[in-house]
Amino acid sequence: MPATATLTSTDPHAAFSAVLQQHRGIVFKVANSYAWQADDRDDLAQEIAAQLWRAWPRFDPARSVTTWMYRVALNVAISHVRSRTARGLHDTVPLDEDLQGHAEPEAEAMDHERAQHLRLLQAFIRRQAPLDRALLVLYLEDRPQREIADILGISESNVSTKIGRLKQRIRDDL
């Protein structure tokens, strides 16, 4: 069902459910970027879905549903990080089991190097302030700068400047 037909459904429960199902990847990407333990990820994803439901009646169908979902999801995730930090709770970062798959002997060295680069990038992202982390998540999702600016509530020029600075930090760090 197209998103516009879904958004104009007379049953708000069905419309929300369809939109959430169609774009559930947004919820999981954000939850995975802000929580590293399985239980915390599940809790955060559930809280994001609950906040999306609470915000659904105020959603403007004239706007992009993905922009709206990212904005809500990132706000919930940032609040999650801040509340955990305020309570003195810190996530430990488990070794990513998906990166330890079995590969062909020739590809194993390349896969190992790629996996190591991915781990370094993930560690870099985790060390960033919540707003910079959100910016990186959206940038790595190939979201246009205008959409990133709209989601984060900052100007396009600020997005461009912050991305440039983050790229330089990545080069310096890695």
C-alpha atoms as a PDB file:
ATOM      1  CA  MET A   1       0.000   0.000   0.000  1.00  0.00           C
ATOM      2  CA  PRO A   2       1.502   3.390  -0.925  1.00  0.00           C
ATOM      3  CA  ALA A   3       2.419   5.693   1.954  1.00  0.00           C
ATOM      4  CA  THR A   4      -0.103   8.342   0.915  1.00  0.00           C
ATOM      5  CA  ALA A   5      -2.943   5.826   0.909  1.00  0.00           C
ATOM      6  CA  THR A   6      -1.769   4.568   4.287  1.00  0.00           C
ATOM      7  CA  LEU A   7      -1.644   8.063   5.743  1.00  0.00           C
ATOM      8  CA  THR A   8      -5.159   8.891   4.640  1.00  0.00           C
ATOM      9  CA  SER A   9      -6.680   5.718   6.092  1.00  0.00           C
ATOM     10  CA  THR A  10      -9.748   6.320   8.268  1.00  0.00           C
ATOM     11  CA  ASP A  11      -8.452   3.878  10.887  1.00  0.00           C
ATOM     12  CA  PRO A  12      -5.555   5.583  12.706  1.00  0.00           C
ATOM     13  CA  HIS A  13      -4.386   2.290  14.234  1.00  0.00           C
ATOM     14  CA  ALA A  14      -4.157   0.611  10.833  1.00  0.00           C
ATOM     15  CA  ALA A  15      -2.503   3.654   9.232  1.00  0.00           C
ATOM     16  CA  PHE A  16       0.108   3.892  11.984  1.00  0.00           C
ATOM     17  CA  SER A  17       0.764   0.162  11.952  1.00  0.00           C
ATOM     18  CA  ALA A  18       1.293   0.177   8.178  1.00  0.00           C
ATOM     19  CA  VAL A  19       3.676   3.145   8.324  1.00  0.00           C
ATOM     20  CA  LEU A  20       5.622   1.640  11.211  1.00  0.00           C
ATOM     21  CA  GLN A  21       5.884  -1.706   9.415  1.00  0.00           C
ATOM     22  CA  GLN A  22       6.988  -0.062   6.164  1.00  0.00           C
ATOM     23  CA  HIS A  23       9.676   2.046   7.870  1.00  0.00           C
ATOM     24  CA  ARG A  24      10.609  -0.150  10.847  1.00  0.00           C
ATOM     25  CA  GLY A  25      14.229  -0.067   9.700  1.00  0.00           C
ATOM     26  CA  ILE A  26      14.461   3.532  10.936  1.00  0.00           C
ATOM     27  CA  VAL A  27      13.521   2.460  14.460  1.00  0.00           C
ATOM     28  CA  PHE A  28      16.082  -0.343  14.472  1.00  0.00           C
ATOM     29  CA  LYS A  29      18.889   1.742  12.956  1.00  0.00           C
ATOM     30  CA  VAL A  30      18.456   4.440  15.563  1.00  0.00           C
ATOM     31  CA  ALA A  31      18.110   1.957  18.426  1.00  0.00           C
ATOM     32  CA  ASN A  32      21.240   0.118  17.272  1.00  0.00           C
ATOM     33  CA  SER A  33      23.158   3.392  17.094  1.00  0.00           C
ATOM     34  CA  TYR A  34      22.302   4.454  20.639  1.00  0.00           C
ATOM     35  CA  ALA A  35      22.117   1.184  22.598  1.00  0.00           C
ATOM     36  CA  TRP A  36      24.583  -1.681  22.329  1.00  0.00           C
ATOM     37  CA  GLN A  37      23.218  -4.313  24.660  1.00  0.00           C
ATOM     38  CA  ALA A  38      20.364  -6.410  23.298  1.00  0.00           C
ATOM     39  CA  ASP A  39      17.963  -5.645  26.160  1.00  0.00           C
ATOM     40  CA  ASP A  40      18.670  -1.914  25.951  1.00  0.00           C
ATOM     41  CA  ARG A  41      18.214  -1.955  22.159  1.00  0.00           C
ATOM     42  CA  ASP A  42      14.876  -3.723  22.531  1.00  0.00           C
ATOM     43  CA  ASP A  43      13.741  -1.286  25.231  1.00  0.00           C
ATOM     44  CA  LEU A  44      14.826   1.712  23.176  1.00  0.00           C
ATOM     45  CA  ALA A  45      13.128   0.407  20.016  1.00  0.00           C
ATOM     46  CA  GLN A  46       9.930  -0.143  22.009  1.00  0.00           C
ATOM     47  CA  GLU A  47      10.126   3.359  23.504  1.00  0.00           C
ATOM     48  CA  ILE A  48      10.673   4.845  20.036  1.00  0.00           C
ATOM     49  CA  ALA A  49       7.627   2.984  18.699  1.00  0.00           C
ATOM     50  CA  ALA A  50       5.550   4.162  21.684  1.00  0.00           C
ATOM     51  CA  GLN A  51       6.621   7.777  21.148  1.00  0.00           C
ATOM     52  CA  LEU A  52       5.847   7.511  17.433  1.00  0.00           C
ATOM     53  CA  TRP A  53       2.355   6.285  18.345  1.00  0.00           C
ATOM     54  CA  ARG A  54       1.865   9.180  20.799  1.00  0.00           C
ATOM     55  CA  ALA A  55       3.025  11.669  18.160  1.00  0.00           C
ATOM     56  CA  TRP A  56       0.985  10.076  15.333  1.00  0.00           C
ATOM     57  CA  PRO A  57      -2.119  12.271  15.808  1.00  0.00           C
ATOM     58  CA  ARG A  58       0.052  15.377  15.268  1.00  0.00           C
ATOM     59  CA  PHE A  59       1.794  14.037  12.154  1.00  0.00           C
ATOM     60  CA  ASP A  60       1.282  16.287   9.127  1.00  0.00           C
ATOM     61  CA  PRO A  61       0.768  14.057   6.040  1.00  0.00           C
ATOM     62  CA  ALA A  62       2.043  16.917   3.861  1.00  0.00           C
ATOM     63  CA  ARG A  63       5.526  16.283   5.347  1.00  0.00           C
ATOM     64  CA  SER A  64       7.862  13.350   4.814  1.00  0.00           C
ATOM     65  CA  VAL A  65       7.010  10.407   7.055  1.00  0.00           C
ATOM     66  CA  THR A  66      10.649   9.293   7.181  1.00  0.00           C
ATOM     67  CA  THR A  67      11.829  12.738   8.280  1.00  0.00           C
ATOM     68  CA  TRP A  68       9.175  12.751  11.009  1.00  0.00           C
ATOM     69  CA  MET A  69      10.115   9.230  12.125  1.00  0.00           C
ATOM     70  CA  TYR A  70      13.824  10.037  12.270  1.00  0.00           C
ATOM     71  CA  ARG A  71      13.137  13.198  14.237  1.00  0.00           C
ATOM     72  CA  VAL A  72      11.022  11.387  16.841  1.00  0.00           C
ATOM     73  CA  ALA A  73      13.341   8.359  16.997  1.00  0.00           C
ATOM     74  CA  LEU A  74      16.485  10.464  17.414  1.00  0.00           C
ATOM     75  CA  ASN A  75      14.886  12.644  20.082  1.00  0.00           C
ATOM     76  CA  VAL A  76      13.908   9.539  22.050  1.00  0.00           C
ATOM     77  CA  ALA A  77      17.381   8.012  21.595  1.00  0.00           C
ATOM     78  CA  ILE A  78      19.167  11.190  22.656  1.00  0.00           C
ATOM     79  CA  SER A  79      16.952  11.422  25.741  1.00  0.00           C
ATOM     80  CA  HIS A  80      17.743   7.759  26.448  1.00  0.00           C
ATOM     81  CA  VAL A  81      21.500   8.439  26.341  1.00  0.00           C
ATOM     82  CA  ARG A  82      21.195  11.538  28.500  1.00  0.00           C
ATOM     83  CA  SER A  83      19.086   9.789  31.137  1.00  0.00           C
ATOM     84  CA  ARG A  84      21.484   6.830  31.296  1.00  0.00           C
ATOM     85  CA  THR A  85      24.440   9.188  31.601  1.00  0.00           C
ATOM     86  CA  ALA A  86      22.714  11.201  34.333  1.00  0.00           C
ATOM     87  CA  ARG A  87      22.087   7.974  36.281  1.00  0.00           C
ATOM     88  CA  GLY A  88      25.717   6.927  35.836  1.00  0.00           C
ATOM     89  CA  LEU A  89      24.886   3.959  33.615  1.00  0.00           C
ATOM     90  CA  HIS A  90      27.240   3.268  30.749  1.00  0.00           C
ATOM     91  CA  ASP A  91      26.841   0.691  28.049  1.00  0.00           C
ATOM     92  CA  THR A  92      29.613  -1.754  27.415  1.00  0.00           C
ATOM     93  CA  VAL A  93      30.190  -2.490  23.782  1.00  0.00           C
ATOM     94  CA  PRO A  94      29.995  -6.212  23.009  1.00  0.00           C
ATOM     95  CA  LEU A  95      32.045  -7.656  20.183  1.00  0.00           C
ATOM     96  CA  ASP A  96      29.863  -7.705  17.093  1.00  0.00           C
ATOM     97  CA  GLU A  97      29.291 -11.379  16.352  1.00  0.00           C
ATOM     98  CA  ASP A  98      28.060 -10.626  12.830  1.00  0.00           C
ATOM     99  CA  LEU A  99      31.526  -9.353  11.950  1.00  0.00           C
ATOM    100  CA  GLN A 100      33.106 -12.676  12.901  1.00  0.00           C
ATOM    101  CA  GLY A 101      31.485 -14.807  10.221  1.00  0.00           C
ATOM    102  CA  HIS A 102      33.358 -17.520   8.349  1.00  0.00           C
ATOM    103  CA  ALA A 103      34.829 -16.456   5.019  1.00  0.00           C
ATOM    104  CA  GLU A 104      36.890 -17.955   2.211  1.00  0.00           C
ATOM    105  CA  PRO A 105      40.622 -17.980   3.095  1.00  0.00           C
ATOM    106  CA  GLU A 106      41.451 -15.348   0.397  1.00  0.00           C
ATOM    107  CA  ALA A 107      38.600 -13.095   1.459  1.00  0.00           C
ATOM    108  CA  GLU A 108      39.252 -13.594   5.157  1.00  0.00           C
ATOM    109  CA  ALA A 109      42.117 -11.056   5.325  1.00  0.00           C
ATOM    110  CA  MET A 110      40.088  -8.451   3.410  1.00  0.00           C
ATOM    111  CA  ASP A 111      36.987  -9.184   5.489  1.00  0.00           C
ATOM    112  CA  HIS A 112      39.036  -8.924   8.667  1.00  0.00           C
ATOM    113  CA  GLU A 113      40.417  -5.540   7.590  1.00  0.00           C
ATOM    114  CA  ARG A 114      36.958  -4.325   6.608  1.00  0.00           C
ATOM    115  CA  ALA A 115      35.526  -5.593   9.902  1.00  0.00           C
ATOM    116  CA  GLN A 116      38.281  -3.816  11.811  1.00  0.00           C
ATOM    117  CA  HIS A 117      37.522  -0.543   9.988  1.00  0.00           C
ATOM    118  CA  LEU A 118      33.839  -0.984  10.728  1.00  0.00           C
ATOM    119  CA  ARG A 119      34.574  -1.578  14.431  1.00  0.00           C
ATOM    120  CA  LEU A 120      36.738   1.551  14.542  1.00  0.00           C
ATOM    121  CA  LEU A 121      34.008   3.610  12.881  1.00  0.00           C
ATOM    122  CA  GLN A 122      31.366   2.236  15.258  1.00  0.00           C
ATOM    123  CA  ALA A 123      33.585   3.016  18.242  1.00  0.00           C
ATOM    124  CA  PHE A 124      34.144   6.537  16.906  1.00  0.00           C
ATOM    125  CA  ILE A 125      30.392   7.073  16.498  1.00  0.00           C
ATOM    126  CA  ARG A 126      29.724   5.828  20.038  1.00  0.00           C
ATOM    127  CA  ARG A 127      32.172   8.354  21.476  1.00  0.00           C
ATOM    128  CA  GLN A 128      30.389  11.294  19.883  1.00  0.00           C
ATOM    129  CA  ALA A 129      27.931  13.602  21.575  1.00  0.00           C
ATOM    130  CA  PRO A 130      24.299  12.625  20.923  1.00  0.00           C
ATOM    131  CA  LEU A 131      23.706  15.326  18.274  1.00  0.00           C
ATOM    132  CA  ASP A 132      26.889  14.435  16.378  1.00  0.00           C
ATOM    133  CA  ARG A 133      25.963  10.755  16.592  1.00  0.00           C
ATOM    134  CA  ALA A 134      22.556  11.527  15.098  1.00  0.00           C
ATOM    135  CA  LEU A 135      24.211  13.543  12.355  1.00  0.00           C
ATOM    136  CA  LEU A 136      26.548  10.661  11.523  1.00  0.00           C
ATOM    137  CA  VAL A 137      23.718   8.117  11.484  1.00  0.00           C
ATOM    138  CA  LEU A 138      21.741  10.249   9.034  1.00  0.00           C
ATOM    139  CA  TYR A 139      24.801  11.051   6.911  1.00  0.00           C
ATOM    140  CA  LEU A 140      25.750   7.377   6.676  1.00  0.00           C
ATOM    141  CA  GLU A 141      22.150   6.656   5.619  1.00  0.00           C
ATOM    142  CA  ASP A 142      22.759   9.006   2.654  1.00  0.00           C
ATOM    143  CA  ARG A 143      20.053  11.395   3.782  1.00  0.00           C
ATOM    144  CA  PRO A 144      20.167  14.736   1.937  1.00  0.00           C
ATOM    145  CA  GLN A 145      21.566  17.655   3.941  1.00  0.00           C
ATOM    146  CA  ARG A 146      18.225  19.448   3.753  1.00  0.00           C
ATOM    147  CA  GLU A 147      16.477  16.462   5.339  1.00  0.00           C
ATOM    148  CA  ILE A 148      19.191  16.123   8.002  1.00  0.00           C
ATOM    149  CA  ALA A 149      18.757  19.810   8.822  1.00  0.00           C
ATOM    150  CA  ASP A 150      14.986  19.375   9.077  1.00  0.00           C
ATOM    151  CA  ILE A 151      15.263  16.274  11.269  1.00  0.00           C
ATOM    152  CA  LEU A 152      17.811  17.798  13.641  1.00  0.00           C
ATOM    153  CA  GLY A 153      16.342  21.308  13.628  1.00  0.00           C
ATOM    154  CA  ILE A 154      19.553  22.984  12.480  1.00  0.00           C
ATOM    155  CA  SER A 155      20.448  24.912   9.317  1.00  0.00           C
ATOM    156  CA  GLU A 156      21.790  23.228   6.192  1.00  0.00           C
ATOM    157  CA  SER A 157      25.008  25.214   6.482  1.00  0.00           C
ATOM    158  CA  ASN A 158      25.384  23.972  10.073  1.00  0.00           C
ATOM    159  CA  VAL A 159      24.889  20.401   8.832  1.00  0.00           C
ATOM    160  CA  SER A 160      27.569  20.922   6.192  1.00  0.00           C
ATOM    161  CA  THR A 161      29.993  22.438   8.691  1.00  0.00           C
ATOM    162  CA  LYS A 162      29.404  19.700  11.282  1.00  0.00           C
ATOM    163  CA  ILE A 163      29.804  16.934   8.678  1.00  0.00           C
ATOM    164  CA  GLY A 164      33.089  18.467   7.527  1.00  0.00           C
ATOM    165  CA  ARG A 165      34.364  18.640  11.096  1.00  0.00           C
ATOM    166  CA  LEU A 166      33.260  15.080  11.824  1.00  0.00           C
ATOM    167  CA  LYS A 167      35.012  13.806   8.680  1.00  0.00           C
ATOM    168  CA  GLN A 168      38.191  15.532   9.812  1.00  0.00           C
ATOM    169  CA  ARG A 169      37.863  13.999  13.292  1.00  0.00           C
ATOM    170  CA  ILE A 170      37.406  10.568  11.702  1.00  0.00           C
ATOM    171  CA  ARG A 171      40.563  11.062   9.602  1.00  0.00           C
ATOM    172  CA  ASP A 172      42.476  12.213  12.690  1.00  0.00           C
ATOM    173  CA  ASP A 173      41.131   9.394  14.892  1.00  0.00           C
ATOM    174  CA  LEU A 174      41.345   6.504  12.466  1.00  0.00           C
END
